[in-house]
N, C-alpha and C. Protein backbone atom coordinates (compact mmCIF):
# COMPACT_ATOMS: atom_id res chain seq x y z
N MET A 1 15.36 9.51 -8.13
CA MET A 1 14.31 10.42 -8.56
C MET A 1 12.96 9.74 -8.38
N GLY A 2 12.08 10.33 -7.65
CA GLY A 2 10.74 9.84 -7.55
C GLY A 2 10.46 8.86 -6.42
N SER A 3 11.28 8.77 -5.41
CA SER A 3 11.03 7.85 -4.31
C SER A 3 10.70 8.62 -3.04
N LEU A 4 9.84 8.03 -2.20
CA LEU A 4 9.61 8.62 -0.89
C LEU A 4 10.85 8.47 -0.03
N TYR A 5 11.74 7.59 -0.44
CA TYR A 5 13.00 7.34 0.25
C TYR A 5 14.14 7.71 -0.68
N PRO A 6 14.57 8.98 -0.70
CA PRO A 6 15.60 9.41 -1.64
C PRO A 6 16.88 8.60 -1.54
N HIS A 7 17.23 8.13 -0.35
CA HIS A 7 18.45 7.36 -0.18
C HIS A 7 18.36 6.00 -0.86
N TYR A 8 17.14 5.49 -1.10
CA TYR A 8 16.99 4.17 -1.69
C TYR A 8 17.62 4.12 -3.08
N GLU A 9 17.33 5.12 -3.90
CA GLU A 9 17.86 5.11 -5.26
C GLU A 9 19.37 5.27 -5.27
N GLU A 10 19.89 6.07 -4.34
CA GLU A 10 21.34 6.24 -4.29
C GLU A 10 22.02 4.94 -3.92
N GLU A 11 21.44 4.21 -2.95
CA GLU A 11 22.04 2.97 -2.49
C GLU A 11 21.83 1.83 -3.47
N ASN A 12 20.79 1.90 -4.30
CA ASN A 12 20.42 0.80 -5.16
C ASN A 12 20.43 1.18 -6.63
N ASN A 13 21.39 1.96 -7.03
CA ASN A 13 21.45 2.47 -8.39
C ASN A 13 22.09 1.48 -9.35
N SER A 14 22.41 0.28 -8.88
CA SER A 14 22.99 -0.73 -9.75
C SER A 14 21.90 -1.35 -10.62
N SER A 15 22.30 -2.14 -11.56
CA SER A 15 21.36 -2.80 -12.46
C SER A 15 20.40 -3.68 -11.68
N ASN A 16 19.13 -3.61 -12.02
CA ASN A 16 18.13 -4.40 -11.32
C ASN A 16 17.75 -5.65 -12.08
N THR A 17 18.57 -6.08 -13.03
CA THR A 17 18.21 -7.26 -13.81
C THR A 17 18.09 -8.50 -12.93
N ALA A 18 18.78 -8.55 -11.81
CA ALA A 18 18.69 -9.70 -10.91
C ALA A 18 17.35 -9.74 -10.20
N HIS A 19 16.60 -8.66 -10.20
CA HIS A 19 15.34 -8.59 -9.48
C HIS A 19 14.13 -8.55 -10.41
N LEU A 20 14.29 -9.07 -11.61
CA LEU A 20 13.15 -9.12 -12.51
C LEU A 20 12.07 -10.01 -11.90
N LEU A 21 10.86 -9.81 -12.31
CA LEU A 21 9.74 -10.53 -11.71
C LEU A 21 9.58 -11.90 -12.37
N ASN A 22 10.47 -12.82 -12.01
CA ASN A 22 10.36 -14.19 -12.49
C ASN A 22 9.23 -14.88 -11.73
N PRO A 23 8.84 -16.08 -12.11
CA PRO A 23 7.70 -16.73 -11.45
C PRO A 23 7.86 -16.86 -9.93
N GLU A 24 9.05 -17.16 -9.46
CA GLU A 24 9.25 -17.31 -8.02
C GLU A 24 9.09 -15.97 -7.29
N GLU A 25 9.65 -14.93 -7.89
CA GLU A 25 9.53 -13.60 -7.28
C GLU A 25 8.09 -13.10 -7.35
N PHE A 26 7.42 -13.37 -8.45
CA PHE A 26 6.00 -13.02 -8.59
C PHE A 26 5.19 -13.70 -7.49
N ARG A 27 5.45 -14.97 -7.25
CA ARG A 27 4.74 -15.72 -6.21
C ARG A 27 5.04 -15.13 -4.83
N ARG A 28 6.30 -14.84 -4.56
CA ARG A 28 6.69 -14.27 -3.27
C ARG A 28 5.99 -12.94 -3.02
N GLN A 29 6.04 -12.07 -4.02
CA GLN A 29 5.41 -10.76 -3.87
C GLN A 29 3.90 -10.88 -3.80
N GLY A 30 3.33 -11.77 -4.59
CA GLY A 30 1.89 -11.98 -4.55
C GLY A 30 1.42 -12.43 -3.17
N HIS A 31 2.17 -13.34 -2.56
CA HIS A 31 1.83 -13.79 -1.21
C HIS A 31 1.92 -12.64 -0.21
N MET A 32 2.92 -11.78 -0.37
CA MET A 32 3.05 -10.63 0.54
C MET A 32 1.85 -9.69 0.40
N ILE A 33 1.42 -9.48 -0.83
CA ILE A 33 0.28 -8.59 -1.06
C ILE A 33 -1.00 -9.19 -0.49
N ILE A 34 -1.22 -10.48 -0.74
CA ILE A 34 -2.41 -11.14 -0.18
C ILE A 34 -2.38 -11.10 1.34
N ASP A 35 -1.23 -11.36 1.94
CA ASP A 35 -1.11 -11.28 3.40
C ASP A 35 -1.41 -9.87 3.89
N PHE A 36 -0.93 -8.86 3.18
CA PHE A 36 -1.19 -7.46 3.55
C PHE A 36 -2.69 -7.18 3.53
N ILE A 37 -3.36 -7.62 2.48
CA ILE A 37 -4.81 -7.39 2.36
C ILE A 37 -5.57 -8.16 3.43
N ALA A 38 -5.19 -9.41 3.64
CA ALA A 38 -5.86 -10.22 4.66
C ALA A 38 -5.67 -9.60 6.05
N ASP A 39 -4.46 -9.13 6.34
CA ASP A 39 -4.21 -8.47 7.62
C ASP A 39 -5.05 -7.21 7.76
N TYR A 40 -5.18 -6.47 6.67
CA TYR A 40 -6.01 -5.25 6.69
C TYR A 40 -7.45 -5.61 7.07
N TYR A 41 -8.02 -6.59 6.38
CA TYR A 41 -9.41 -6.98 6.67
C TYR A 41 -9.53 -7.55 8.08
N GLN A 42 -8.54 -8.32 8.52
CA GLN A 42 -8.60 -8.92 9.85
C GLN A 42 -8.54 -7.86 10.95
N ASN A 43 -7.82 -6.78 10.72
CA ASN A 43 -7.61 -5.75 11.74
C ASN A 43 -8.36 -4.46 11.48
N MET A 44 -9.27 -4.47 10.54
CA MET A 44 -9.95 -3.25 10.13
C MET A 44 -10.63 -2.53 11.29
N GLU A 45 -11.19 -3.28 12.24
CA GLU A 45 -11.89 -2.63 13.34
C GLU A 45 -10.95 -1.87 14.26
N LYS A 46 -9.65 -2.10 14.14
CA LYS A 46 -8.67 -1.40 14.97
C LYS A 46 -8.30 -0.02 14.41
N TYR A 47 -8.63 0.22 13.14
CA TYR A 47 -8.31 1.52 12.54
C TYR A 47 -9.41 2.52 12.86
N PRO A 48 -9.06 3.78 13.01
CA PRO A 48 -10.12 4.80 13.12
C PRO A 48 -10.97 4.75 11.85
N VAL A 49 -12.27 4.86 12.00
CA VAL A 49 -13.15 4.73 10.83
C VAL A 49 -12.89 5.82 9.81
N LEU A 50 -12.77 7.04 10.25
CA LEU A 50 -12.61 8.17 9.33
C LEU A 50 -11.15 8.51 9.11
N SER A 51 -10.88 9.11 7.99
CA SER A 51 -9.53 9.54 7.64
C SER A 51 -8.94 10.38 8.77
N GLN A 52 -7.67 10.17 9.03
CA GLN A 52 -6.98 10.89 10.11
C GLN A 52 -6.05 11.97 9.58
N VAL A 53 -6.19 12.34 8.33
CA VAL A 53 -5.29 13.30 7.71
C VAL A 53 -6.08 14.43 7.07
N GLN A 54 -5.38 15.51 6.79
CA GLN A 54 -6.00 16.65 6.12
C GLN A 54 -5.95 16.45 4.60
N PRO A 55 -6.94 16.93 3.87
CA PRO A 55 -6.90 16.82 2.42
C PRO A 55 -5.60 17.42 1.86
N GLY A 56 -5.00 16.72 0.94
CA GLY A 56 -3.79 17.20 0.30
C GLY A 56 -2.50 16.81 0.99
N TYR A 57 -2.58 16.14 2.13
CA TYR A 57 -1.34 15.84 2.87
C TYR A 57 -0.41 14.94 2.06
N LEU A 58 -0.97 14.02 1.31
CA LEU A 58 -0.14 13.07 0.57
C LEU A 58 0.58 13.73 -0.60
N ALA A 59 -0.04 14.70 -1.22
CA ALA A 59 0.59 15.39 -2.35
C ALA A 59 1.92 16.01 -1.96
N LYS A 60 2.02 16.48 -0.73
CA LYS A 60 3.28 17.08 -0.26
C LYS A 60 4.38 16.04 -0.11
N LEU A 61 4.01 14.78 0.08
CA LEU A 61 4.99 13.72 0.29
C LEU A 61 5.43 13.03 -1.00
N LEU A 62 4.62 13.20 -2.04
CA LEU A 62 4.92 12.50 -3.29
C LEU A 62 6.07 13.15 -4.04
N PRO A 63 6.89 12.33 -4.69
CA PRO A 63 7.96 12.88 -5.53
C PRO A 63 7.38 13.50 -6.79
N LYS A 64 8.18 14.27 -7.48
CA LYS A 64 7.71 14.94 -8.69
C LYS A 64 7.51 13.96 -9.84
N SER A 65 8.18 12.82 -9.80
CA SER A 65 8.03 11.81 -10.85
C SER A 65 8.14 10.42 -10.25
N ALA A 66 7.78 9.45 -11.05
CA ALA A 66 7.87 8.06 -10.61
C ALA A 66 9.34 7.65 -10.49
N PRO A 67 9.62 6.63 -9.69
CA PRO A 67 11.01 6.18 -9.54
C PRO A 67 11.60 5.71 -10.87
N ASN A 68 12.87 5.91 -11.04
CA ASN A 68 13.55 5.43 -12.24
C ASN A 68 13.86 3.94 -12.16
N ILE A 69 13.94 3.43 -10.94
CA ILE A 69 14.19 2.01 -10.74
C ILE A 69 13.09 1.46 -9.84
N PRO A 70 12.76 0.18 -9.99
CA PRO A 70 11.69 -0.38 -9.15
C PRO A 70 12.07 -0.37 -7.68
N GLU A 71 11.07 -0.11 -6.85
CA GLU A 71 11.28 -0.21 -5.41
C GLU A 71 10.82 -1.59 -4.96
N PRO A 72 11.41 -2.10 -3.90
CA PRO A 72 10.98 -3.42 -3.41
C PRO A 72 9.54 -3.38 -2.94
N ILE A 73 8.88 -4.52 -3.06
CA ILE A 73 7.49 -4.60 -2.63
C ILE A 73 7.36 -4.28 -1.15
N GLU A 74 8.38 -4.59 -0.37
CA GLU A 74 8.36 -4.26 1.06
C GLU A 74 8.24 -2.75 1.27
N THR A 75 8.95 -1.98 0.47
CA THR A 75 8.89 -0.52 0.56
C THR A 75 7.51 -0.01 0.16
N ILE A 76 6.96 -0.59 -0.89
CA ILE A 76 5.64 -0.17 -1.37
C ILE A 76 4.57 -0.46 -0.32
N LEU A 77 4.60 -1.67 0.24
CA LEU A 77 3.61 -2.02 1.27
C LEU A 77 3.79 -1.17 2.53
N HIS A 78 5.02 -0.85 2.87
CA HIS A 78 5.27 0.04 4.01
C HIS A 78 4.67 1.42 3.73
N ASP A 79 4.87 1.94 2.53
CA ASP A 79 4.31 3.24 2.17
C ASP A 79 2.79 3.22 2.24
N ILE A 80 2.17 2.14 1.77
CA ILE A 80 0.71 2.04 1.84
C ILE A 80 0.25 2.07 3.29
N GLN A 81 0.91 1.28 4.13
CA GLN A 81 0.53 1.23 5.55
C GLN A 81 0.74 2.57 6.25
N GLN A 82 1.85 3.23 5.96
CA GLN A 82 2.18 4.46 6.67
C GLN A 82 1.49 5.70 6.10
N TYR A 83 1.31 5.75 4.78
CA TYR A 83 0.83 6.99 4.16
C TYR A 83 -0.59 6.90 3.59
N ILE A 84 -1.01 5.73 3.12
CA ILE A 84 -2.32 5.60 2.49
C ILE A 84 -3.40 5.21 3.50
N ILE A 85 -3.14 4.18 4.28
CA ILE A 85 -4.15 3.67 5.23
C ILE A 85 -4.67 4.77 6.17
N PRO A 86 -3.81 5.65 6.70
CA PRO A 86 -4.35 6.70 7.59
C PRO A 86 -5.30 7.67 6.88
N GLY A 87 -5.25 7.73 5.57
CA GLY A 87 -6.11 8.66 4.83
C GLY A 87 -7.40 8.05 4.31
N ILE A 88 -7.62 6.79 4.62
CA ILE A 88 -8.79 6.08 4.11
C ILE A 88 -9.94 6.17 5.11
N THR A 89 -11.16 6.32 4.59
CA THR A 89 -12.35 6.06 5.39
C THR A 89 -12.63 4.58 5.22
N HIS A 90 -12.61 3.84 6.30
CA HIS A 90 -12.71 2.39 6.25
C HIS A 90 -14.18 1.97 6.21
N TRP A 91 -14.75 1.99 5.01
CA TRP A 91 -16.17 1.75 4.78
C TRP A 91 -16.60 0.37 5.25
N GLN A 92 -15.71 -0.60 5.22
CA GLN A 92 -16.06 -1.96 5.60
C GLN A 92 -15.89 -2.21 7.10
N SER A 93 -15.45 -1.22 7.83
CA SER A 93 -15.23 -1.39 9.26
C SER A 93 -16.54 -1.74 9.97
N PRO A 94 -16.49 -2.68 10.90
CA PRO A 94 -17.69 -2.97 11.69
C PRO A 94 -18.07 -1.79 12.59
N ASN A 95 -17.21 -0.80 12.70
CA ASN A 95 -17.49 0.38 13.51
C ASN A 95 -18.08 1.53 12.70
N TYR A 96 -18.29 1.31 11.42
CA TYR A 96 -18.80 2.37 10.54
C TYR A 96 -20.30 2.16 10.35
N PHE A 97 -21.08 3.09 10.84
CA PHE A 97 -22.53 2.93 10.83
C PHE A 97 -23.25 3.94 9.94
N ALA A 98 -22.53 4.67 9.12
CA ALA A 98 -23.16 5.73 8.33
C ALA A 98 -23.98 5.19 7.16
N TYR A 99 -23.54 4.10 6.55
CA TYR A 99 -24.21 3.53 5.39
C TYR A 99 -24.25 2.02 5.53
N PHE A 100 -25.01 1.39 4.67
CA PHE A 100 -24.96 -0.06 4.61
C PHE A 100 -23.59 -0.48 4.08
N PRO A 101 -23.11 -1.64 4.46
CA PRO A 101 -21.81 -2.09 3.97
C PRO A 101 -21.79 -2.13 2.43
N SER A 102 -20.67 -1.75 1.87
CA SER A 102 -20.54 -1.80 0.42
C SER A 102 -20.17 -3.21 -0.02
N SER A 103 -20.01 -3.40 -1.29
CA SER A 103 -19.75 -4.74 -1.82
C SER A 103 -18.26 -5.09 -1.82
N GLY A 104 -17.48 -4.42 -1.01
CA GLY A 104 -16.04 -4.64 -1.01
C GLY A 104 -15.62 -5.77 -0.09
N SER A 105 -16.19 -6.94 -0.28
CA SER A 105 -15.81 -8.08 0.55
C SER A 105 -14.45 -8.61 0.12
N ILE A 106 -13.88 -9.50 0.91
CA ILE A 106 -12.61 -10.11 0.55
C ILE A 106 -12.76 -10.87 -0.76
N ALA A 107 -13.84 -11.66 -0.88
CA ALA A 107 -14.05 -12.40 -2.13
C ALA A 107 -14.23 -11.44 -3.31
N GLY A 108 -14.97 -10.36 -3.09
CA GLY A 108 -15.14 -9.37 -4.15
C GLY A 108 -13.85 -8.70 -4.54
N PHE A 109 -13.00 -8.46 -3.57
CA PHE A 109 -11.71 -7.83 -3.84
C PHE A 109 -10.85 -8.73 -4.71
N LEU A 110 -10.83 -10.03 -4.40
CA LEU A 110 -10.06 -10.98 -5.20
C LEU A 110 -10.61 -11.10 -6.62
N GLY A 111 -11.94 -11.01 -6.74
CA GLY A 111 -12.56 -11.11 -8.06
C GLY A 111 -12.20 -9.93 -8.91
């Protein structure tokens, strides 16, 4: 219930106690997230500046409720790349000339 991948919950309906966010898992996932963000900033000029989707497109893809069990960080980052990034106006893109750059620098993002 609540996953963009309905088969995920069916296949992974066992107890998730083995996947609790212990310090090692927190570190692993944190590194994946930082790498994802760094890759985004490094490749930002390759994305179309303006959103490539119609308003409301994401609402049709969302489940009616949040997942009952945690999804792997890999699934979450995949969803962001596939479903969220195409809908963003990339304000920090070097190809965006409509306004002055905003304060969303890498250092600002970490802060």
